[in-house]
Amino acid sequence: MSTYFTIGEMSKLSNLPIKTLRYYDEVGVLKPAYTNPENNYRYYSMDQFMHIDVIKYCRTMGLSLEEIKDFLKSDGSIESMIDTIKRQSSLLEKKIKELSEIKNYLDDLEISISNVLEHQENIVFINRNKKRKYMEYKCKTETPEDFELSLRDTVLHIEEKYGTVYPQLGSTVSYKDFVENGKITYTYIKDFAKRKNNSKMKVLPEGEYITIIYDDNANNAKIYFNKILEYIKENNIEVVGDFNEVWVMPRVDKNTKEKTLIQLEILKKK
């Protein structure tokens, strides 16, 4: 059987692990040319080297094994190869765009975290912010469950409309409700992600913001709202509008306890 090669020989000559060749056989991508009926040993023929080269080429293009199977069953014409190349090129272009968006998100997140960590946590300070654009989504907050459901609805809407799962979120909290009733009332969810050609975006104005940075569970949020109120009263400061929250880095620990790095702020009146 000089024209045939054992699976070990084929592995060495093709630079593919034996495990991979067995898997290719199992899924029907590359079956041995001959199987000895007496001992069930599998052998590959000389012309299957080209078969392997085509498989490797297809894998380089990013085709799945199922797609490779379909391609190998095609007529092998130049036209079918060009169609495959065009289709795969289009898919890769889409993937590159998605990866670029992820990279931009990670870069923005790194900058946001670095900027926040320049300040001491749990200490109120005045921070000068440039104007910031955002999309606004009304939310219900009669109960914590209402807010969570509104947040889920907002995230789903963003995913469906913009095709992204990387929004940069925050919220608007009623200043009046907290001052008068000591209640944290979320009125809007904000999406700070950059959206091209969106005329509905609103703007947080440039100015000085009474700010606190904290990294804590949402159940302890009142502590930090109260710290801002105390600072405002002690320094006889007038403020404008409502509280703004920027959720810089939400996390969940091994005990599924939520913790978020938050920039909480309110605009100081000029």
C-alpha atoms as a PDB file:
ATOM      1  CA  MET A   1       0.000   0.000   0.000  1.00  0.00           C
ATOM      2  CA  SER A   2       2.762   2.393  -1.020  1.00  0.00           C
ATOM      3  CA  THR A   3       0.266   4.924  -2.431  1.00  0.00           C
ATOM      4  CA  TYR A   4      -1.590   5.155   0.883  1.00  0.00           C
ATOM      5  CA  PHE A   5      -0.669   6.805   4.171  1.00  0.00           C
ATOM      6  CA  THR A   6      -1.629   5.931   7.709  1.00  0.00           C
ATOM      7  CA  ILE A   7      -3.333   8.564   9.801  1.00  0.00           C
ATOM      8  CA  GLY A   8      -0.026   9.136  11.654  1.00  0.00           C
ATOM      9  CA  GLU A   9       1.846   9.654   8.391  1.00  0.00           C
ATOM     10  CA  MET A  10      -0.850  11.956   7.043  1.00  0.00           C
ATOM     11  CA  SER A  11      -0.717  13.936  10.290  1.00  0.00           C
ATOM     12  CA  LYS A  12       3.023  14.557   9.873  1.00  0.00           C
ATOM     13  CA  LEU A  13       2.820  15.322   6.143  1.00  0.00           C
ATOM     14  CA  SER A  14      -0.130  17.706   6.480  1.00  0.00           C
ATOM     15  CA  ASN A  15       0.861  19.303   9.803  1.00  0.00           C
ATOM     16  CA  LEU A  16      -2.560  18.467  11.244  1.00  0.00           C
ATOM     17  CA  PRO A  17      -3.022  16.675  14.585  1.00  0.00           C
ATOM     18  CA  ILE A  18      -4.357  13.118  14.457  1.00  0.00           C
ATOM     19  CA  LYS A  19      -7.253  14.309  16.589  1.00  0.00           C
ATOM     20  CA  THR A  20      -8.186  16.869  13.903  1.00  0.00           C
ATOM     21  CA  LEU A  21      -8.043  14.289  11.105  1.00  0.00           C
ATOM     22  CA  ARG A  22     -10.307  11.976  13.108  1.00  0.00           C
ATOM     23  CA  TYR A  23     -12.738  14.836  13.690  1.00  0.00           C
ATOM     24  CA  TYR A  24     -12.739  15.715   9.996  1.00  0.00           C
ATOM     25  CA  ASP A  25     -13.603  12.077   9.291  1.00  0.00           C
ATOM     26  CA  GLU A  26     -16.369  12.106  11.923  1.00  0.00           C
ATOM     27  CA  VAL A  27     -18.091  15.223  10.540  1.00  0.00           C
ATOM     28  CA  GLY A  28     -17.622  14.185   6.909  1.00  0.00           C
ATOM     29  CA  VAL A  29     -15.191  16.889   5.813  1.00  0.00           C
ATOM     30  CA  LEU A  30     -12.318  14.490   5.009  1.00  0.00           C
ATOM     31  CA  LYS A  31     -12.923  10.768   5.072  1.00  0.00           C
ATOM     32  CA  PRO A  32     -10.001   8.343   4.535  1.00  0.00           C
ATOM     33  CA  ALA A  33      -9.724   7.007   0.998  1.00  0.00           C
ATOM     34  CA  TYR A  34      -9.553   3.414   2.222  1.00  0.00           C
ATOM     35  CA  THR A  35     -10.478   1.546   5.388  1.00  0.00           C
ATOM     36  CA  ASN A  36      -9.110  -1.954   5.910  1.00  0.00           C
ATOM     37  CA  PRO A  37     -12.151  -4.157   6.634  1.00  0.00           C
ATOM     38  CA  GLU A  38     -10.085  -6.611   8.710  1.00  0.00           C
ATOM     39  CA  ASN A  39      -8.618  -4.187  11.276  1.00  0.00           C
ATOM     40  CA  ASN A  40     -10.567  -1.000  10.500  1.00  0.00           C
ATOM     41  CA  TYR A  41      -7.320   0.944   9.972  1.00  0.00           C
ATOM     42  CA  ARG A  42      -7.814   4.076   7.920  1.00  0.00           C
ATOM     43  CA  TYR A  43      -5.581   5.146   5.041  1.00  0.00           C
ATOM     44  CA  TYR A  44      -5.334   8.342   3.039  1.00  0.00           C
ATOM     45  CA  SER A  45      -4.454   8.603  -0.641  1.00  0.00           C
ATOM     46  CA  MET A  46      -1.947  10.887  -2.371  1.00  0.00           C
ATOM     47  CA  ASP A  47      -4.619  13.084  -3.966  1.00  0.00           C
ATOM     48  CA  GLN A  48      -6.095  13.908  -0.537  1.00  0.00           C
ATOM     49  CA  PHE A  49      -3.186  16.277   0.122  1.00  0.00           C
ATOM     50  CA  MET A  50      -4.884  18.754  -2.217  1.00  0.00           C
ATOM     51  CA  HIS A  51      -8.135  18.119  -0.346  1.00  0.00           C
ATOM     52  CA  ILE A  52      -6.418  19.110   2.899  1.00  0.00           C
ATOM     53  CA  ASP A  53      -4.892  22.209   1.308  1.00  0.00           C
ATOM     54  CA  VAL A  54      -8.369  23.335   0.214  1.00  0.00           C
ATOM     55  CA  ILE A  55      -9.720  22.773   3.735  1.00  0.00           C
ATOM     56  CA  LYS A  56      -6.873  24.833   5.203  1.00  0.00           C
ATOM     57  CA  TYR A  57      -7.486  27.574   2.643  1.00  0.00           C
ATOM     58  CA  CYS A  58     -11.183  27.661   3.526  1.00  0.00           C
ATOM     59  CA  ARG A  59     -10.384  27.775   7.243  1.00  0.00           C
ATOM     60  CA  THR A  60      -8.057  30.712   6.587  1.00  0.00           C
ATOM     61  CA  MET A  61     -10.995  32.510   4.972  1.00  0.00           C
ATOM     62  CA  GLY A  62     -12.991  31.892   8.147  1.00  0.00           C
ATOM     63  CA  LEU A  63     -15.417  29.290   6.793  1.00  0.00           C
ATOM     64  CA  SER A  64     -17.030  26.913   9.268  1.00  0.00           C
ATOM     65  CA  LEU A  65     -16.721  23.157   8.782  1.00  0.00           C
ATOM     66  CA  GLU A  66     -20.339  22.998   7.600  1.00  0.00           C
ATOM     67  CA  GLU A  67     -19.608  25.704   5.029  1.00  0.00           C
ATOM     68  CA  ILE A  68     -16.483  23.831   3.946  1.00  0.00           C
ATOM     69  CA  LYS A  69     -18.547  20.662   3.487  1.00  0.00           C
ATOM     70  CA  ASP A  70     -20.983  22.548   1.256  1.00  0.00           C
ATOM     71  CA  PHE A  71     -18.134  24.090  -0.689  1.00  0.00           C
ATOM     72  CA  LEU A  72     -16.458  20.712  -1.267  1.00  0.00           C
ATOM     73  CA  LYS A  73     -19.779  19.343  -2.555  1.00  0.00           C
ATOM     74  CA  SER A  74     -20.122  22.197  -5.060  1.00  0.00           C
ATOM     75  CA  ASP A  75     -19.115  21.965  -8.708  1.00  0.00           C
ATOM     76  CA  GLY A  76     -15.668  23.412  -7.931  1.00  0.00           C
ATOM     77  CA  SER A  77     -16.024  26.081 -10.590  1.00  0.00           C
ATOM     78  CA  ILE A  78     -14.206  29.419 -10.559  1.00  0.00           C
ATOM     79  CA  GLU A  79     -17.587  31.129 -10.252  1.00  0.00           C
ATOM     80  CA  SER A  80     -18.520  29.202  -7.098  1.00  0.00           C
ATOM     81  CA  MET A  81     -15.127  30.038  -5.586  1.00  0.00           C
ATOM     82  CA  ILE A  82     -15.568  33.747  -6.380  1.00  0.00           C
ATOM     83  CA  ASP A  83     -19.059  33.687  -4.831  1.00  0.00           C
ATOM     84  CA  THR A  84     -17.627  32.097  -1.681  1.00  0.00           C
ATOM     85  CA  ILE A  85     -14.822  34.668  -1.516  1.00  0.00           C
ATOM     86  CA  LYS A  86     -17.247  37.593  -1.964  1.00  0.00           C
ATOM     87  CA  ARG A  87     -19.633  36.273   0.669  1.00  0.00           C
ATOM     88  CA  GLN A  88     -16.860  35.634   3.160  1.00  0.00           C
ATOM     89  CA  SER A  89     -15.258  39.016   2.454  1.00  0.00           C
ATOM     90  CA  SER A  90     -18.572  40.710   3.238  1.00  0.00           C
ATOM     91  CA  LEU A  91     -18.913  38.750   6.499  1.00  0.00           C
ATOM     92  CA  LEU A  92     -15.359  39.625   7.521  1.00  0.00           C
ATOM     93  CA  GLU A  93     -15.969  43.299   6.754  1.00  0.00           C
ATOM     94  CA  LYS A  94     -18.977  43.196   9.080  1.00  0.00           C
ATOM     95  CA  LYS A  95     -16.903  41.442  11.746  1.00  0.00           C
ATOM     96  CA  ILE A  96     -14.115  44.018  11.419  1.00  0.00           C
ATOM     97  CA  LYS A  97     -16.676  46.787  11.961  1.00  0.00           C
ATOM     98  CA  GLU A  98     -18.019  45.013  15.052  1.00  0.00           C
ATOM     99  CA  LEU A  99     -14.506  44.530  16.443  1.00  0.00           C
ATOM    100  CA  SER A 100     -13.701  48.180  15.728  1.00  0.00           C
ATOM    101  CA  GLU A 101     -16.785  49.233  17.710  1.00  0.00           C
ATOM    102  CA  ILE A 102     -15.722  46.991  20.596  1.00  0.00           C
ATOM    103  CA  LYS A 103     -12.201  48.453  20.475  1.00  0.00           C
ATOM    104  CA  ASN A 104     -13.584  52.018  20.526  1.00  0.00           C
ATOM    105  CA  TYR A 105     -15.843  51.108  23.448  1.00  0.00           C
ATOM    106  CA  LEU A 106     -12.942  49.632  25.410  1.00  0.00           C
ATOM    107  CA  ASP A 107     -10.772  52.684  24.676  1.00  0.00           C
ATOM    108  CA  ASP A 108     -13.552  55.026  25.851  1.00  0.00           C
ATOM    109  CA  LEU A 109     -14.139  52.880  28.940  1.00  0.00           C
ATOM    110  CA  GLU A 110     -10.442  52.918  29.810  1.00  0.00           C
ATOM    111  CA  ILE A 111     -10.355  56.723  29.483  1.00  0.00           C
ATOM    112  CA  SER A 112     -13.526  57.077  31.590  1.00  0.00           C
ATOM    113  CA  ILE A 113     -12.162  54.873  34.362  1.00  0.00           C
ATOM    114  CA  SER A 114      -8.775  56.642  34.312  1.00  0.00           C
ATOM    115  CA  ASN A 115     -10.444  60.063  34.513  1.00  0.00           C
ATOM    116  CA  VAL A 116     -12.669  58.969  37.390  1.00  0.00           C
ATOM    117  CA  LEU A 117      -9.816  57.394  39.333  1.00  0.00           C
ATOM    118  CA  GLU A 118      -7.880  60.651  39.214  1.00  0.00           C
ATOM    119  CA  HIS A 119     -10.200  61.776  42.012  1.00  0.00           C
ATOM    120  CA  GLN A 120     -10.433  60.415  45.529  1.00  0.00           C
ATOM    121  CA  GLU A 121     -13.450  58.217  46.122  1.00  0.00           C
ATOM    122  CA  ASN A 122     -16.252  59.191  48.535  1.00  0.00           C
ATOM    123  CA  ILE A 123     -15.124  62.829  48.713  1.00  0.00           C
ATOM    124  CA  VAL A 124     -17.275  65.594  47.202  1.00  0.00           C
ATOM    125  CA  PHE A 125     -15.476  67.961  44.844  1.00  0.00           C
ATOM    126  CA  ILE A 126     -16.232  70.430  42.056  1.00  0.00           C
ATOM    127  CA  ASN A 127     -15.472  69.059  38.612  1.00  0.00           C
ATOM    128  CA  ARG A 128     -15.466  71.045  35.376  1.00  0.00           C
ATOM    129  CA  ASN A 129     -17.083  69.022  32.591  1.00  0.00           C
ATOM    130  CA  LYS A 130     -17.286  69.684  28.875  1.00  0.00           C
ATOM    131  CA  LYS A 131     -20.690  69.258  27.270  1.00  0.00           C
ATOM    132  CA  ARG A 132     -21.766  65.645  26.875  1.00  0.00           C
ATOM    133  CA  LYS A 133     -24.305  64.228  24.443  1.00  0.00           C
ATOM    134  CA  TYR A 134     -26.705  61.447  25.356  1.00  0.00           C
ATOM    135  CA  MET A 135     -29.922  59.691  24.397  1.00  0.00           C
ATOM    136  CA  GLU A 136     -32.704  59.765  26.974  1.00  0.00           C
ATOM    137  CA  TYR A 137     -35.224  57.031  27.789  1.00  0.00           C
ATOM    138  CA  LYS A 138     -38.153  57.523  30.169  1.00  0.00           C
ATOM    139  CA  CYS A 139     -38.369  54.961  32.952  1.00  0.00           C
ATOM    140  CA  LYS A 140     -40.780  53.822  35.645  1.00  0.00           C
ATOM    141  CA  THR A 141     -39.557  53.801  39.231  1.00  0.00           C
ATOM    142  CA  GLU A 142     -42.489  53.089  41.514  1.00  0.00           C
ATOM    143  CA  THR A 143     -40.485  50.091  42.751  1.00  0.00           C
ATOM    144  CA  PRO A 144     -36.886  48.870  42.275  1.00  0.00           C
ATOM    145  CA  GLU A 145     -38.331  46.105  40.091  1.00  0.00           C
ATOM    146  CA  ASP A 146     -39.936  48.735  37.828  1.00  0.00           C
ATOM    147  CA  PHE A 147     -36.588  50.418  37.340  1.00  0.00           C
ATOM    148  CA  GLU A 148     -34.809  47.145  36.526  1.00  0.00           C
ATOM    149  CA  LEU A 149     -37.466  46.260  33.955  1.00  0.00           C
ATOM    150  CA  SER A 150     -37.198  49.732  32.403  1.00  0.00           C
ATOM    151  CA  LEU A 151     -33.435  49.317  32.239  1.00  0.00           C
ATOM    152  CA  ARG A 152     -33.830  45.914  30.538  1.00  0.00           C
ATOM    153  CA  ASP A 153     -36.246  47.442  28.010  1.00  0.00           C
ATOM    154  CA  THR A 154     -33.771  50.243  27.290  1.00  0.00           C
ATOM    155  CA  VAL A 155     -30.836  47.891  26.767  1.00  0.00           C
ATOM    156  CA  LEU A 156     -32.912  45.699  24.432  1.00  0.00           C
ATOM    157  CA  HIS A 157     -33.994  48.763  22.467  1.00  0.00           C
ATOM    158  CA  ILE A 158     -30.371  49.901  22.085  1.00  0.00           C
ATOM    159  CA  GLU A 159     -29.299  46.428  20.940  1.00  0.00           C
ATOM    160  CA  GLU A 160     -32.118  46.192  18.393  1.00  0.00           C
ATOM    161  CA  LYS A 161     -31.731  49.728  17.028  1.00  0.00           C
ATOM    162  CA  TYR A 162     -27.965  50.118  17.026  1.00  0.00           C
ATOM    163  CA  GLY A 163     -26.813  46.505  16.953  1.00  0.00           C
ATOM    164  CA  THR A 164     -24.537  46.986  19.940  1.00  0.00           C
ATOM    165  CA  VAL A 165     -24.377  45.526  23.419  1.00  0.00           C
ATOM    166  CA  TYR A 166     -21.887  48.088  24.654  1.00  0.00           C
ATOM    167  CA  PRO A 167     -23.893  51.140  25.690  1.00  0.00           C
ATOM    168  CA  GLN A 168     -22.431  53.624  28.151  1.00  0.00           C
ATOM    169  CA  LEU A 169     -25.290  54.155  30.525  1.00  0.00           C
ATOM    170  CA  GLY A 170     -26.317  56.450  33.321  1.00  0.00           C
ATOM    171  CA  SER A 171     -29.474  58.011  34.704  1.00  0.00           C
ATOM    172  CA  THR A 172     -31.314  61.145  35.781  1.00  0.00           C
ATOM    173  CA  VAL A 173     -32.436  61.268  39.418  1.00  0.00           C
ATOM    174  CA  SER A 174     -34.973  63.836  40.657  1.00  0.00           C
ATOM    175  CA  TYR A 175     -33.283  66.464  42.824  1.00  0.00           C
ATOM    176  CA  LYS A 176     -36.658  67.691  44.122  1.00  0.00           C
ATOM    177  CA  ASP A 177     -37.781  64.221  45.223  1.00  0.00           C
ATOM    178  CA  PHE A 178     -34.569  63.538  47.080  1.00  0.00           C
ATOM    179  CA  VAL A 179     -34.494  66.928  48.857  1.00  0.00           C
ATOM    180  CA  GLU A 180     -38.163  66.825  49.857  1.00  0.00           C
ATOM    181  CA  ASN A 181     -38.719  63.116  50.479  1.00  0.00           C
ATOM    182  CA  GLY A 182     -35.260  61.561  50.744  1.00  0.00           C
ATOM    183  CA  LYS A 183     -36.272  59.318  47.849  1.00  0.00           C
ATOM    184  CA  ILE A 184     -34.105  58.282  44.896  1.00  0.00           C
ATOM    185  CA  THR A 185     -36.453  58.631  41.921  1.00  0.00           C
ATOM    186  CA  TYR A 186     -35.004  57.687  38.558  1.00  0.00           C
ATOM    187  CA  THR A 187     -36.771  59.634  35.824  1.00  0.00           C
ATOM    188  CA  TYR A 188     -34.644  58.789  32.783  1.00  0.00           C
ATOM    189  CA  ILE A 189     -32.013  56.320  31.676  1.00  0.00           C
ATOM    190  CA  LYS A 190     -29.202  57.895  29.666  1.00  0.00           C
ATOM    191  CA  ASP A 191     -27.127  56.350  26.888  1.00  0.00           C
ATOM    192  CA  PHE A 192     -23.830  58.235  26.519  1.00  0.00           C
ATOM    193  CA  ALA A 193     -22.513  56.080  23.645  1.00  0.00           C
ATOM    194  CA  LYS A 194     -21.548  58.009  20.519  1.00  0.00           C
ATOM    195  CA  ARG A 195     -24.317  57.758  17.927  1.00  0.00           C
ATOM    196  CA  LYS A 196     -23.706  59.159  14.447  1.00  0.00           C
ATOM    197  CA  ASN A 197     -26.266  61.419  12.778  1.00  0.00           C
ATOM    198  CA  ASN A 198     -28.794  61.259  15.598  1.00  0.00           C
ATOM    199  CA  SER A 199     -30.782  64.479  15.846  1.00  0.00           C
ATOM    200  CA  LYS A 200     -32.582  63.362  19.009  1.00  0.00           C
ATOM    201  CA  MET A 201     -29.489  63.488  21.212  1.00  0.00           C
ATOM    202  CA  LYS A 202     -29.618  65.806  24.227  1.00  0.00           C
ATOM    203  CA  VAL A 203     -26.757  67.632  25.883  1.00  0.00           C
ATOM    204  CA  LEU A 204     -25.470  67.947  29.426  1.00  0.00           C
ATOM    205  CA  PRO A 205     -24.119  71.503  29.429  1.00  0.00           C
ATOM    206  CA  GLU A 206     -20.519  72.432  30.033  1.00  0.00           C
ATOM    207  CA  GLY A 207     -19.943  73.745  33.519  1.00  0.00           C
ATOM    208  CA  GLU A 208     -18.962  73.043  37.099  1.00  0.00           C
ATOM    209  CA  TYR A 209     -20.592  69.993  38.664  1.00  0.00           C
ATOM    210  CA  ILE A 210     -20.782  69.102  42.336  1.00  0.00           C
ATOM    211  CA  THR A 211     -19.428  65.567  42.089  1.00  0.00           C
ATOM    212  CA  ILE A 212     -18.704  62.441  44.076  1.00  0.00           C
ATOM    213  CA  ILE A 213     -17.091  59.199  42.888  1.00  0.00           C
ATOM    214  CA  TYR A 214     -18.077  56.002  44.645  1.00  0.00           C
ATOM    215  CA  ASP A 215     -17.818  52.266  44.085  1.00  0.00           C
ATOM    216  CA  ASP A 216     -20.652  50.556  45.895  1.00  0.00           C
ATOM    217  CA  ASN A 217     -23.879  48.585  45.765  1.00  0.00           C
ATOM    218  CA  ALA A 218     -27.021  50.441  44.644  1.00  0.00           C
ATOM    219  CA  ASN A 219     -28.624  49.805  48.055  1.00  0.00           C
ATOM    220  CA  ASN A 220     -26.129  52.241  49.603  1.00  0.00           C
ATOM    221  CA  ALA A 221     -26.650  55.042  47.065  1.00  0.00           C
ATOM    222  CA  LYS A 222     -28.432  57.384  49.523  1.00  0.00           C
ATOM    223  CA  ILE A 223     -25.174  57.804  51.434  1.00  0.00           C
ATOM    224  CA  TYR A 224     -23.573  59.548  48.484  1.00  0.00           C
ATOM    225  CA  PHE A 225     -26.599  61.636  47.516  1.00  0.00           C
ATOM    226  CA  ASN A 226     -26.666  62.922  51.089  1.00  0.00           C
ATOM    227  CA  LYS A 227     -22.969  63.776  50.951  1.00  0.00           C
ATOM    228  CA  ILE A 228     -23.592  65.995  47.933  1.00  0.00           C
ATOM    229  CA  LEU A 229     -26.548  67.686  49.662  1.00  0.00           C
ATOM    230  CA  GLU A 230     -24.434  68.345  52.781  1.00  0.00           C
ATOM    231  CA  TYR A 231     -21.688  69.876  50.617  1.00  0.00           C
ATOM    232  CA  ILE A 232     -24.223  72.103  48.831  1.00  0.00           C
ATOM    233  CA  LYS A 233     -25.680  73.340  52.131  1.00  0.00           C
ATOM    234  CA  GLU A 234     -22.324  73.853  53.855  1.00  0.00           C
ATOM    235  CA  ASN A 235     -20.968  75.879  50.928  1.00  0.00           C
ATOM    236  CA  ASN A 236     -24.230  77.738  50.209  1.00  0.00           C
ATOM    237  CA  ILE A 237     -24.226  76.573  46.569  1.00  0.00           C
ATOM    238  CA  GLU A 238     -27.124  76.900  44.138  1.00  0.00           C
ATOM    239  CA  VAL A 239     -27.616  74.018  41.711  1.00  0.00           C
ATOM    240  CA  VAL A 240     -29.501  73.581  38.455  1.00  0.00           C
ATOM    241  CA  GLY A 241     -31.589  70.642  37.280  1.00  0.00           C
ATOM    242  CA  ASP A 242     -31.420  67.071  38.548  1.00  0.00           C
ATOM    243  CA  PHE A 243     -28.755  64.633  39.627  1.00  0.00           C
ATOM    244  CA  ASN A 244     -26.835  62.936  36.850  1.00  0.00           C
ATOM    245  CA  GLU A 245     -25.386  59.456  37.311  1.00  0.00           C
ATOM    246  CA  VAL A 246     -22.729  57.975  35.039  1.00  0.00           C
ATOM    247  CA  TRP A 247     -22.361  54.222  35.514  1.00  0.00           C
ATOM    248  CA  VAL A 248     -18.692  53.881  34.701  1.00  0.00           C
ATOM    249  CA  MET A 249     -18.115  50.231  35.472  1.00  0.00           C
ATOM    250  CA  PRO A 250     -20.910  47.883  36.652  1.00  0.00           C
ATOM    251  CA  ARG A 251     -19.705  44.545  38.010  1.00  0.00           C
ATOM    252  CA  VAL A 252     -20.964  41.412  39.736  1.00  0.00           C
ATOM    253  CA  ASP A 253     -18.827  39.477  42.224  1.00  0.00           C
ATOM    254  CA  LYS A 254     -18.670  35.709  42.769  1.00  0.00           C
ATOM    255  CA  ASN A 255     -21.664  35.969  45.112  1.00  0.00           C
ATOM    256  CA  THR A 256     -23.684  37.711  42.344  1.00  0.00           C
ATOM    257  CA  LYS A 257     -23.632  40.948  44.356  1.00  0.00           C
ATOM    258  CA  GLU A 258     -23.786  44.031  42.131  1.00  0.00           C
ATOM    259  CA  LYS A 259     -21.248  46.822  42.536  1.00  0.00           C
ATOM    260  CA  THR A 260     -20.779  49.837  40.279  1.00  0.00           C
ATOM    261  CA  LEU A 261     -18.189  52.585  39.944  1.00  0.00           C
ATOM    262  CA  ILE A 262     -20.395  55.686  39.689  1.00  0.00           C
ATOM    263  CA  GLN A 263     -19.859  59.361  39.023  1.00  0.00           C
ATOM    264  CA  LEU A 264     -22.726  61.202  40.697  1.00  0.00           C
ATOM    265  CA  GLU A 265     -23.076  64.917  39.993  1.00  0.00           C
ATOM    266  CA  ILE A 266     -25.317  67.953  39.749  1.00  0.00           C
ATOM    267  CA  LEU A 267     -24.693  71.200  37.852  1.00  0.00           C
ATOM    268  CA  LYS A 268     -23.652  74.238  39.857  1.00  0.00           C
ATOM    269  CA  LYS A 269     -25.521  77.441  38.990  1.00  0.00           C
ATOM    270  CA  LYS A 270     -23.293  80.063  37.343  1.00  0.00           C
END
